[in-house]
């Protein structure tokens, strides 16, 4: 586990040899990443050396994001979730920097019109805040709703991206 200082408070992350599996605000208290069979072997979550390069890269990319110099994250991810959650997270990753979508638009992008509430549930289960940008999804009519790390953080992240704006 590694901690990062951000303008929104401390965050902590975990990684496997395959990629970052958790990034959350310190008070999040989510369960640790699921260890694969054979945990304790090289490449598993419990191997203290596993994923160190991913955590280093994540720290660099977070610094660049908060400085307004990064719009997309490139650090490898190792996400565990249901097929529906994974589809929801891919739809989140496709939302351009500085833009928002409604939960209904996200569900449509997933090929599941009418599944807006389920998309919201998948977003809530997103294990990598900011990198998989669930903060870019808003309620119908533009209302800020549903951010597990606090609406004030969601508002800050959206304002940050809109002020920095996409680079040409």
Protein backbone atom coordinates (compact mmCIF):
# COMPACT_ATOMS: atom_id res chain seq x y z
CA UNK A 1 0.00 0.00 0.00
CA UNK A 2 1.22 3.49 -0.78
CA UNK A 3 -0.06 6.90 0.30
CA UNK A 4 -0.22 10.04 -1.85
CA UNK A 5 -0.83 13.64 -0.82
CA UNK A 6 -3.37 15.39 -3.06
CA UNK A 7 -5.19 18.74 -2.96
CA UNK A 8 -8.30 16.77 -1.92
CA UNK A 9 -6.69 14.94 0.96
CA UNK A 10 -4.56 11.85 1.30
CA UNK A 11 -5.15 8.91 -0.99
CA UNK A 12 -3.89 5.37 -0.75
CA UNK A 13 -3.29 2.81 -3.44
CA UNK A 14 -2.51 -0.85 -3.88
CA UNK A 15 -1.14 -2.67 -6.89
CA UNK A 16 -0.43 -6.15 -8.11
CA UNK A 17 2.26 -7.03 -10.60
CA UNK A 18 -0.42 -6.51 -13.29
CA UNK A 19 -1.43 -2.98 -12.26
CA UNK A 20 -3.13 -0.67 -9.81
CA UNK A 21 -6.07 -2.41 -8.16
CA UNK A 22 -7.18 0.30 -5.69
CA UNK A 23 -6.95 4.07 -5.36
CA UNK A 24 -9.15 5.71 -2.76
CA UNK A 25 -9.23 8.63 -0.40
CA UNK A 26 -7.70 7.64 2.92
CA UNK A 27 -10.97 7.65 4.83
CA UNK A 28 -12.53 5.30 2.25
CA UNK A 29 -11.66 2.16 4.15
CA UNK A 30 -12.51 -0.25 1.34
CA UNK A 31 -11.42 -3.87 1.54
CA UNK A 32 -7.94 -4.70 0.28
CA UNK A 33 -7.53 -5.87 -3.28
CA UNK A 34 -8.44 -9.51 -3.72
CA UNK A 35 -5.36 -11.69 -3.57
CA UNK A 36 -5.13 -14.24 -6.35
CA UNK A 37 -4.74 -17.93 -5.67
CA UNK A 38 -1.25 -18.55 -4.36
CA UNK A 39 -1.11 -15.19 -2.56
CA UNK A 40 2.34 -14.53 -1.21
CA UNK A 41 4.02 -15.65 -4.40
CA UNK A 42 5.76 -13.19 -6.73
CA UNK A 43 3.20 -11.04 -8.51
CA UNK A 44 0.50 -11.41 -5.90
CA UNK A 45 -1.05 -8.61 -3.86
CA UNK A 46 0.76 -9.78 -0.73
CA UNK A 47 4.21 -9.68 -2.33
CA UNK A 48 5.58 -6.37 -0.98
CA UNK A 49 7.59 -5.78 -4.15
CA UNK A 50 4.77 -6.53 -6.58
CA UNK A 51 3.40 -3.53 -8.37
CA UNK A 52 5.99 -1.06 -7.04
CA UNK A 53 6.65 0.31 -10.53
CA UNK A 54 2.88 0.78 -11.05
CA UNK A 55 2.60 2.70 -7.78
CA UNK A 56 5.56 4.88 -8.74
CA UNK A 57 3.95 5.64 -12.09
CA UNK A 58 0.58 6.29 -10.43
CA UNK A 59 2.20 8.87 -8.13
CA UNK A 60 3.77 10.66 -11.10
CA UNK A 61 0.51 10.62 -13.06
CA UNK A 62 -1.52 11.89 -10.09
CA UNK A 63 0.92 14.77 -9.64
CA UNK A 64 0.61 15.61 -13.35
CA UNK A 65 -3.20 15.39 -13.22
CA UNK A 66 -3.49 17.73 -10.25
CA UNK A 67 -1.00 20.13 -11.89
CA UNK A 68 -3.23 20.22 -14.99
CA UNK A 69 -0.67 18.47 -17.21
CA UNK A 70 -2.44 15.09 -17.61
CA UNK A 71 -5.87 14.34 -19.04
CA UNK A 72 -5.68 10.54 -19.29
CA UNK A 73 -4.00 8.03 -17.05
CA UNK A 74 -1.78 5.39 -18.59
CA UNK A 75 -0.86 3.34 -15.55
CA UNK A 76 -1.92 -0.31 -15.97
CA UNK A 77 -4.95 -1.38 -13.94
CA UNK A 78 -5.84 -4.73 -12.42
CA UNK A 79 -9.54 -4.39 -11.64
CA UNK A 80 -11.79 -7.08 -10.21
CA UNK A 81 -15.50 -6.77 -10.79
CA UNK A 82 -18.52 -8.31 -12.40
CA UNK A 83 -18.82 -8.19 -16.19
CA UNK A 84 -21.39 -5.39 -15.81
CA UNK A 85 -19.09 -3.37 -13.52
CA UNK A 86 -16.18 -3.77 -15.91
CA UNK A 87 -18.35 -2.56 -18.80
CA UNK A 88 -19.44 0.43 -16.69
CA UNK A 89 -15.82 1.26 -15.84
CA UNK A 90 -14.83 1.09 -19.52
CA UNK A 91 -17.66 3.53 -20.29
CA UNK A 92 -16.35 5.84 -17.56
CA UNK A 93 -12.84 5.73 -18.99
CA UNK A 94 -14.24 6.81 -22.37
CA UNK A 95 -15.70 10.07 -21.01
CA UNK A 96 -13.36 12.83 -22.21
CA UNK A 97 -11.48 15.02 -19.76
CA UNK A 98 -13.48 18.07 -18.74
CA UNK A 99 -16.79 16.62 -19.91
CA UNK A 100 -19.66 14.97 -18.08
CA UNK A 101 -22.29 12.38 -18.87
CA UNK A 102 -25.49 11.47 -17.11
CA UNK A 103 -26.00 8.02 -15.65
CA UNK A 104 -28.50 7.41 -18.46
CA UNK A 105 -25.93 8.39 -21.10
CA UNK A 106 -23.41 6.08 -19.46
CA UNK A 107 -25.92 3.21 -19.54
CA UNK A 108 -26.60 3.90 -23.22
CA UNK A 109 -22.86 3.91 -23.96
CA UNK A 110 -22.71 0.49 -22.30
CA UNK A 111 -25.46 -0.80 -24.60
CA UNK A 112 -27.83 -1.01 -21.64
CA UNK A 113 -30.38 1.81 -22.00
CA UNK A 114 -32.57 1.92 -18.94
CA UNK A 115 -29.80 0.67 -16.64
CA UNK A 116 -28.89 4.09 -15.23
CA UNK A 117 -29.37 3.02 -11.60
CA UNK A 118 -27.27 -0.11 -12.15
CA UNK A 119 -24.56 2.02 -13.78
CA UNK A 120 -24.60 4.23 -10.69
CA UNK A 121 -24.13 1.16 -8.51
CA UNK A 122 -21.18 0.03 -10.61
CA UNK A 123 -19.68 3.52 -10.39
CA UNK A 124 -19.98 3.39 -6.61
CA UNK A 125 -17.97 0.15 -6.68
CA UNK A 126 -15.20 1.72 -8.81
CA UNK A 127 -11.99 0.75 -7.02
CA UNK A 128 -9.76 3.40 -8.61
CA UNK A 129 -11.03 6.93 -8.01
CA UNK A 130 -9.95 9.63 -10.46
CA UNK A 131 -8.09 7.19 -12.76
CA UNK A 132 -11.43 5.64 -13.75
CA UNK A 133 -13.30 8.98 -13.72
CA UNK A 134 -16.63 8.24 -12.05
CA UNK A 135 -16.61 11.89 -10.98
CA UNK A 136 -17.54 12.77 -14.59
CA UNK A 137 -21.01 11.22 -14.24
CA UNK A 138 -23.77 13.50 -13.02
CA UNK A 139 -27.48 13.20 -12.41
CA UNK A 140 -30.24 14.09 -14.81
CA UNK A 141 -30.50 17.82 -15.38
CA UNK A 142 -26.85 18.38 -14.44
CA UNK A 143 -27.22 17.74 -10.70
CA UNK A 144 -24.16 16.53 -8.79
CA UNK A 145 -25.10 13.21 -7.26
CA UNK A 146 -23.54 10.05 -6.01
CA UNK A 147 -19.83 10.33 -5.31
CA UNK A 148 -18.59 7.94 -2.62
CA UNK A 149 -15.72 10.29 -1.70
CA UNK A 150 -18.01 13.27 -1.12
CA UNK A 151 -19.82 15.63 -3.46
CA UNK A 152 -17.40 18.42 -2.56
CA UNK A 153 -14.58 16.36 -4.10
CA UNK A 154 -16.65 15.61 -7.20
CA UNK A 155 -17.37 19.32 -7.60
CA UNK A 156 -13.67 20.16 -7.13
CA UNK A 157 -12.56 17.56 -9.72
CA UNK A 158 -15.08 18.74 -12.31
CA UNK A 159 -14.13 22.39 -11.77
CA UNK A 160 -10.42 21.48 -11.96
CA UNK A 161 -10.90 19.75 -15.31
CA UNK A 162 -13.10 22.49 -16.72
CA UNK A 163 -10.68 25.23 -15.65
CA UNK A 164 -7.66 23.41 -17.07
CA UNK A 165 -9.60 22.44 -20.18
CA UNK A 166 -8.48 19.91 -22.74
CA UNK A 167 -5.21 20.71 -24.45
CA UNK A 168 -5.04 20.80 -28.24
